């Protein structure tokens, strides 16, 4: 994950580079994305081991990350005040690290029956 104060195609390309580098040699990463303006196919063009799947418009129920954001808000971010930018970044970092610390939770929340890649 990358925590930034804004998002655009440049940041998205950096994220795709991060995914590409983390993908085991001989494997291929598939990233599911909604229609945000910075979710464009050219962000993975430099990487031969990453492919994007774009979801249909107005279908947040199909997007696994929506459940992740909901979990992070419910368990870490919602209903609190922050002392400033660094506090926000620290809180988001802790929230993300807590989320990914349980691989069963990640698998359960991010798996979709409708996508079977065999």
N, C-alpha and C. Protein backbone atom coordinates (compact mmCIF):
# COMPACT_ATOMS: atom_id res chain seq x y z
N UNK A 1 0.84 -1.18 0.00
CA UNK A 1 0.00 0.00 0.00
C UNK A 1 0.88 1.24 0.00
N UNK A 2 0.33 2.30 -0.51
CA UNK A 2 0.99 3.60 -0.47
C UNK A 2 0.02 4.58 0.16
N UNK A 3 0.49 5.32 1.14
CA UNK A 3 -0.34 6.35 1.77
C UNK A 3 0.17 7.70 1.27
N UNK A 4 -0.70 8.44 0.59
CA UNK A 4 -0.32 9.73 0.02
C UNK A 4 -1.41 10.76 0.32
N UNK A 5 -1.05 12.04 0.27
CA UNK A 5 -2.07 13.07 0.52
C UNK A 5 -3.00 13.29 -0.68
N UNK A 6 -2.69 12.69 -1.80
CA UNK A 6 -3.53 12.82 -3.00
C UNK A 6 -3.30 11.59 -3.88
N UNK A 7 -4.17 11.41 -4.86
CA UNK A 7 -4.00 10.32 -5.82
C UNK A 7 -4.09 10.87 -7.24
N UNK A 8 -3.31 10.28 -8.11
CA UNK A 8 -3.34 10.60 -9.53
C UNK A 8 -2.68 9.44 -10.28
N UNK A 9 -2.55 9.58 -11.59
CA UNK A 9 -1.98 8.48 -12.37
C UNK A 9 -0.53 8.19 -11.99
N UNK A 10 0.23 9.21 -11.63
CA UNK A 10 1.63 8.99 -11.24
C UNK A 10 1.71 8.15 -9.97
N UNK A 11 0.89 8.46 -8.99
CA UNK A 11 0.86 7.67 -7.75
C UNK A 11 0.37 6.26 -8.05
N UNK A 12 -0.63 6.15 -8.92
CA UNK A 12 -1.16 4.83 -9.27
C UNK A 12 -0.09 3.99 -9.96
N UNK A 13 0.70 4.60 -10.82
CA UNK A 13 1.78 3.87 -11.49
C UNK A 13 2.82 3.41 -10.47
N UNK A 14 3.11 4.24 -9.47
CA UNK A 14 4.03 3.82 -8.40
C UNK A 14 3.47 2.63 -7.63
N UNK A 15 2.15 2.64 -7.40
CA UNK A 15 1.52 1.52 -6.72
C UNK A 15 1.60 0.24 -7.57
N UNK A 16 1.37 0.38 -8.87
CA UNK A 16 1.47 -0.79 -9.75
C UNK A 16 2.91 -1.30 -9.81
N UNK A 17 3.88 -0.39 -9.74
CA UNK A 17 5.28 -0.82 -9.69
C UNK A 17 5.55 -1.61 -8.41
N UNK A 18 4.99 -1.14 -7.31
CA UNK A 18 5.13 -1.84 -6.04
C UNK A 18 4.54 -3.25 -6.13
N UNK A 19 3.37 -3.36 -6.72
CA UNK A 19 2.72 -4.67 -6.90
C UNK A 19 3.57 -5.55 -7.81
N UNK A 20 4.07 -4.98 -8.90
CA UNK A 20 4.89 -5.73 -9.83
C UNK A 20 6.14 -6.30 -9.15
N UNK A 21 6.80 -5.48 -8.37
CA UNK A 21 8.02 -5.92 -7.67
C UNK A 21 7.73 -6.97 -6.61
N UNK A 22 6.54 -6.91 -6.01
CA UNK A 22 6.18 -7.87 -4.95
C UNK A 22 5.66 -9.19 -5.52
N UNK A 23 5.39 -9.22 -6.81
CA UNK A 23 4.87 -10.43 -7.45
C UNK A 23 6.01 -11.39 -7.72
N UNK A 24 5.87 -12.58 -7.21
CA UNK A 24 6.90 -13.61 -7.33
C UNK A 24 7.23 -13.88 -8.80
N UNK A 25 8.51 -14.08 -9.08
CA UNK A 25 8.97 -14.37 -10.44
C UNK A 25 8.20 -15.55 -11.01
N UNK A 26 7.70 -15.41 -12.21
CA UNK A 26 6.92 -16.47 -12.85
C UNK A 26 5.43 -16.39 -12.55
N UNK A 27 5.02 -15.47 -11.69
CA UNK A 27 3.61 -15.28 -11.35
C UNK A 27 3.10 -14.01 -12.01
N UNK A 28 1.79 -13.81 -11.97
CA UNK A 28 1.17 -12.64 -12.58
C UNK A 28 0.15 -12.07 -11.60
N UNK A 29 0.17 -10.77 -11.39
CA UNK A 29 -0.78 -10.10 -10.49
C UNK A 29 -1.96 -9.58 -11.29
N UNK A 30 -3.15 -9.76 -10.75
CA UNK A 30 -4.36 -9.20 -11.33
C UNK A 30 -4.93 -8.23 -10.31
N UNK A 31 -5.13 -6.98 -10.73
CA UNK A 31 -5.61 -5.94 -9.84
C UNK A 31 -7.01 -5.53 -10.30
N UNK A 32 -7.96 -5.61 -9.38
CA UNK A 32 -9.35 -5.23 -9.67
C UNK A 32 -9.54 -3.77 -9.30
N UNK A 33 -10.09 -2.98 -10.23
CA UNK A 33 -10.24 -1.54 -9.99
C UNK A 33 -11.62 -1.06 -10.43
N UNK A 34 -12.04 0.01 -9.76
CA UNK A 34 -13.27 0.68 -10.18
C UNK A 34 -12.91 1.71 -11.25
N UNK A 35 -13.81 2.61 -11.53
CA UNK A 35 -13.62 3.56 -12.62
C UNK A 35 -13.05 4.90 -12.22
N UNK A 36 -12.33 4.98 -11.11
CA UNK A 36 -11.73 6.25 -10.72
C UNK A 36 -10.86 6.77 -11.86
N UNK A 37 -10.78 8.08 -11.97
CA UNK A 37 -10.06 8.71 -13.08
C UNK A 37 -8.61 8.32 -13.20
N UNK A 38 -7.96 7.95 -12.13
CA UNK A 38 -6.55 7.57 -12.16
C UNK A 38 -6.36 6.07 -12.30
N UNK A 39 -7.45 5.31 -12.38
CA UNK A 39 -7.38 3.86 -12.60
C UNK A 39 -7.40 3.59 -14.10
N UNK A 40 -6.28 3.77 -14.73
CA UNK A 40 -6.21 3.64 -16.18
C UNK A 40 -5.23 2.53 -16.56
N UNK A 41 -5.47 1.95 -17.72
CA UNK A 41 -4.67 0.81 -18.16
C UNK A 41 -3.20 1.17 -18.39
N UNK A 42 -2.91 2.42 -18.71
CA UNK A 42 -1.52 2.79 -18.95
C UNK A 42 -0.67 2.78 -17.67
N UNK A 43 -1.32 2.70 -16.49
CA UNK A 43 -0.55 2.63 -15.25
C UNK A 43 0.15 1.29 -15.08
N UNK A 44 -0.29 0.27 -15.80
CA UNK A 44 0.38 -1.04 -15.74
C UNK A 44 1.17 -1.34 -16.99
N UNK A 45 1.11 -0.46 -17.96
CA UNK A 45 1.81 -0.69 -19.23
C UNK A 45 3.30 -1.01 -19.07
N UNK A 46 4.00 -0.35 -18.15
CA UNK A 46 5.44 -0.66 -18.00
C UNK A 46 5.74 -2.04 -17.40
N UNK A 47 4.71 -2.72 -16.88
CA UNK A 47 4.94 -3.95 -16.13
C UNK A 47 4.29 -5.13 -16.83
N UNK A 48 5.11 -6.14 -17.16
CA UNK A 48 4.57 -7.29 -17.90
C UNK A 48 3.97 -8.36 -17.00
N UNK A 49 3.96 -8.12 -15.71
CA UNK A 49 3.41 -9.12 -14.79
C UNK A 49 2.21 -8.62 -13.99
N UNK A 50 1.58 -7.54 -14.47
CA UNK A 50 0.40 -6.98 -13.81
C UNK A 50 -0.67 -6.69 -14.86
N UNK A 51 -1.90 -7.11 -14.56
CA UNK A 51 -3.05 -6.85 -15.43
C UNK A 51 -4.16 -6.22 -14.60
N UNK A 52 -4.87 -5.27 -15.20
CA UNK A 52 -6.02 -4.65 -14.54
C UNK A 52 -7.31 -5.28 -15.02
N UNK A 53 -8.24 -5.44 -14.10
CA UNK A 53 -9.62 -5.79 -14.45
C UNK A 53 -10.46 -4.62 -13.97
N UNK A 54 -11.15 -3.97 -14.90
CA UNK A 54 -12.00 -2.83 -14.55
C UNK A 54 -13.41 -3.33 -14.28
N UNK A 55 -13.96 -2.91 -13.17
CA UNK A 55 -15.32 -3.26 -12.80
C UNK A 55 -16.31 -2.37 -13.53
N UNK A 56 -17.54 -2.86 -13.70
CA UNK A 56 -18.56 -2.00 -14.32
C UNK A 56 -18.85 -0.79 -13.43
N UNK A 57 -19.30 0.31 -14.03
CA UNK A 57 -19.63 1.49 -13.23
C UNK A 57 -20.71 1.19 -12.18
N UNK A 58 -20.63 1.89 -11.06
CA UNK A 58 -21.64 1.82 -10.00
C UNK A 58 -21.84 0.40 -9.48
N UNK A 59 -20.73 -0.29 -9.22
CA UNK A 59 -20.81 -1.65 -8.69
C UNK A 59 -19.85 -1.85 -7.52
N UNK A 60 -19.97 -1.04 -6.47
CA UNK A 60 -19.03 -1.17 -5.34
C UNK A 60 -19.10 -2.53 -4.65
N UNK A 61 -20.24 -3.21 -4.78
CA UNK A 61 -20.36 -4.53 -4.15
C UNK A 61 -19.43 -5.56 -4.78
N UNK A 62 -18.95 -5.29 -5.97
CA UNK A 62 -18.02 -6.21 -6.65
C UNK A 62 -16.56 -5.93 -6.29
N UNK A 63 -16.30 -4.79 -5.70
CA UNK A 63 -14.94 -4.35 -5.46
C UNK A 63 -14.49 -4.71 -4.04
N UNK A 64 -13.57 -5.65 -3.91
CA UNK A 64 -13.12 -6.09 -2.58
C UNK A 64 -12.59 -4.95 -1.70
N UNK A 65 -11.97 -3.96 -2.31
CA UNK A 65 -11.36 -2.91 -1.50
C UNK A 65 -12.40 -2.10 -0.73
N UNK A 66 -13.63 -2.07 -1.21
CA UNK A 66 -14.68 -1.34 -0.48
C UNK A 66 -14.88 -1.93 0.91
N UNK A 67 -14.85 -3.25 1.02
CA UNK A 67 -14.97 -3.89 2.34
C UNK A 67 -13.73 -3.61 3.20
N UNK A 68 -12.58 -3.55 2.58
CA UNK A 68 -11.36 -3.25 3.31
C UNK A 68 -11.44 -1.85 3.91
N UNK A 69 -11.83 -0.86 3.08
CA UNK A 69 -11.96 0.52 3.60
C UNK A 69 -12.97 0.58 4.73
N UNK A 70 -14.08 -0.14 4.58
CA UNK A 70 -15.10 -0.16 5.63
C UNK A 70 -14.53 -0.72 6.93
N UNK A 71 -13.79 -1.82 6.83
CA UNK A 71 -13.19 -2.43 8.03
C UNK A 71 -12.21 -1.46 8.68
N UNK A 72 -11.36 -0.83 7.87
CA UNK A 72 -10.37 0.11 8.41
C UNK A 72 -11.07 1.28 9.10
N UNK A 73 -12.11 1.83 8.47
CA UNK A 73 -12.84 2.92 9.11
C UNK A 73 -13.45 2.47 10.43
N UNK A 74 -14.12 1.33 10.42
CA UNK A 74 -14.81 0.84 11.62
C UNK A 74 -13.85 0.55 12.77
N UNK A 75 -12.68 0.02 12.46
CA UNK A 75 -11.77 -0.43 13.50
C UNK A 75 -10.68 0.58 13.89
N UNK A 76 -10.46 1.59 13.05
CA UNK A 76 -9.32 2.46 13.32
C UNK A 76 -9.53 3.95 13.09
N UNK A 77 -10.27 4.33 12.09
CA UNK A 77 -10.23 5.71 11.63
C UNK A 77 -11.46 6.53 12.03
N UNK A 78 -12.63 5.90 12.07
CA UNK A 78 -13.88 6.64 12.27
C UNK A 78 -13.98 7.22 13.68
N UNK A 79 -14.74 8.29 13.77
CA UNK A 79 -15.09 8.92 15.05
C UNK A 79 -13.90 9.30 15.91
N UNK A 80 -12.93 9.91 15.30
CA UNK A 80 -11.79 10.39 16.07
C UNK A 80 -11.24 11.67 15.45
N UNK A 81 -10.53 12.39 16.24
CA UNK A 81 -9.89 13.62 15.77
C UNK A 81 -8.40 13.35 15.61
N UNK A 82 -7.83 13.98 14.63
CA UNK A 82 -6.40 13.83 14.38
C UNK A 82 -5.69 15.13 14.70
N UNK A 83 -4.47 15.02 15.17
CA UNK A 83 -3.70 16.20 15.56
C UNK A 83 -3.03 16.89 14.37
N UNK A 84 -3.01 16.24 13.24
CA UNK A 84 -2.40 16.82 12.05
C UNK A 84 -2.10 15.74 11.03
N UNK A 85 -1.44 16.16 9.97
CA UNK A 85 -1.15 15.26 8.86
C UNK A 85 -0.38 14.02 9.31
N UNK A 86 0.67 14.20 10.09
CA UNK A 86 1.48 13.04 10.53
C UNK A 86 0.66 12.06 11.36
N UNK A 87 -0.26 12.55 12.16
CA UNK A 87 -1.14 11.67 12.93
C UNK A 87 -2.05 10.87 12.01
N UNK A 88 -2.52 11.52 10.96
CA UNK A 88 -3.37 10.81 9.98
C UNK A 88 -2.56 9.71 9.31
N UNK A 89 -1.36 10.04 8.85
CA UNK A 89 -0.51 9.05 8.18
C UNK A 89 -0.18 7.90 9.12
N UNK A 90 0.19 8.21 10.36
CA UNK A 90 0.50 7.16 11.34
C UNK A 90 -0.71 6.27 11.59
N UNK A 91 -1.88 6.88 11.73
CA UNK A 91 -3.10 6.11 11.99
C UNK A 91 -3.45 5.22 10.80
N UNK A 92 -3.31 5.75 9.60
CA UNK A 92 -3.59 4.94 8.40
C UNK A 92 -2.60 3.80 8.27
N UNK A 93 -1.34 4.07 8.57
CA UNK A 93 -0.31 3.03 8.51
C UNK A 93 -0.61 1.92 9.51
N UNK A 94 -0.93 2.29 10.73
CA UNK A 94 -1.26 1.29 11.75
C UNK A 94 -2.50 0.51 11.35
N UNK A 95 -3.49 1.20 10.81
CA UNK A 95 -4.73 0.53 10.39
C UNK A 95 -4.45 -0.49 9.29
N UNK A 96 -3.68 -0.08 8.28
CA UNK A 96 -3.36 -0.98 7.18
C UNK A 96 -2.56 -2.19 7.68
N UNK A 97 -1.55 -1.94 8.51
CA UNK A 97 -0.73 -3.03 9.03
C UNK A 97 -1.55 -3.99 9.89
N UNK A 98 -2.51 -3.46 10.65
CA UNK A 98 -3.39 -4.33 11.43
C UNK A 98 -4.24 -5.18 10.49
N UNK A 99 -4.78 -4.55 9.45
CA UNK A 99 -5.61 -5.29 8.50
C UNK A 99 -4.83 -6.45 7.86
N UNK A 100 -3.64 -6.18 7.36
CA UNK A 100 -2.89 -7.22 6.64
C UNK A 100 -2.22 -8.22 7.57
N UNK A 101 -2.23 -7.97 8.87
CA UNK A 101 -1.58 -8.89 9.82
C UNK A 101 -2.32 -10.22 9.94
N UNK A 102 -3.56 -10.27 9.50
CA UNK A 102 -4.36 -11.49 9.58
C UNK A 102 -4.68 -11.96 8.16
N UNK A 103 -3.88 -12.90 7.65
CA UNK A 103 -4.06 -13.34 6.26
C UNK A 103 -5.42 -13.97 6.02
N UNK A 104 -5.99 -14.62 7.02
CA UNK A 104 -7.33 -15.19 6.86
C UNK A 104 -8.37 -14.09 6.64
N UNK A 105 -8.24 -12.99 7.37
CA UNK A 105 -9.15 -11.86 7.20
C UNK A 105 -9.00 -11.29 5.79
N UNK A 106 -7.77 -11.09 5.34
CA UNK A 106 -7.53 -10.54 4.01
C UNK A 106 -8.14 -11.44 2.95
N UNK A 107 -7.89 -12.74 3.06
CA UNK A 107 -8.44 -13.69 2.09
C UNK A 107 -9.95 -13.67 2.09
N UNK A 108 -10.55 -13.69 3.27
CA UNK A 108 -12.01 -13.71 3.37
C UNK A 108 -12.63 -12.45 2.77
N UNK A 109 -12.06 -11.29 3.07
CA UNK A 109 -12.64 -10.04 2.61
C UNK A 109 -12.35 -9.75 1.15
N UNK A 110 -11.28 -10.29 0.62
CA UNK A 110 -10.86 -9.93 -0.74
C UNK A 110 -11.14 -11.01 -1.78
N UNK A 111 -11.67 -12.15 -1.36
CA UNK A 111 -11.99 -13.21 -2.30
C UNK A 111 -13.40 -12.99 -2.85
N UNK A 112 -13.57 -13.23 -4.12
CA UNK A 112 -14.88 -13.13 -4.77
C UNK A 112 -15.17 -14.42 -5.51
N UNK A 113 -16.36 -14.98 -5.27
CA UNK A 113 -16.76 -16.22 -5.95
C UNK A 113 -16.85 -16.03 -7.46
N UNK A 114 -17.19 -14.83 -7.89
CA UNK A 114 -17.41 -14.58 -9.31
C UNK A 114 -16.14 -14.55 -10.15
N UNK A 115 -14.99 -14.50 -9.49
CA UNK A 115 -13.75 -14.49 -10.26
C UNK A 115 -12.96 -15.75 -9.96
N UNK A 116 -12.87 -16.60 -10.94
CA UNK A 116 -12.17 -17.87 -10.77
C UNK A 116 -11.09 -17.94 -11.85
N UNK A 117 -9.87 -17.82 -11.44
CA UNK A 117 -8.74 -17.85 -12.38
C UNK A 117 -8.02 -19.18 -12.25
N UNK A 118 -8.45 -20.15 -13.02
CA UNK A 118 -7.81 -21.46 -12.98
C UNK A 118 -7.23 -21.81 -14.32
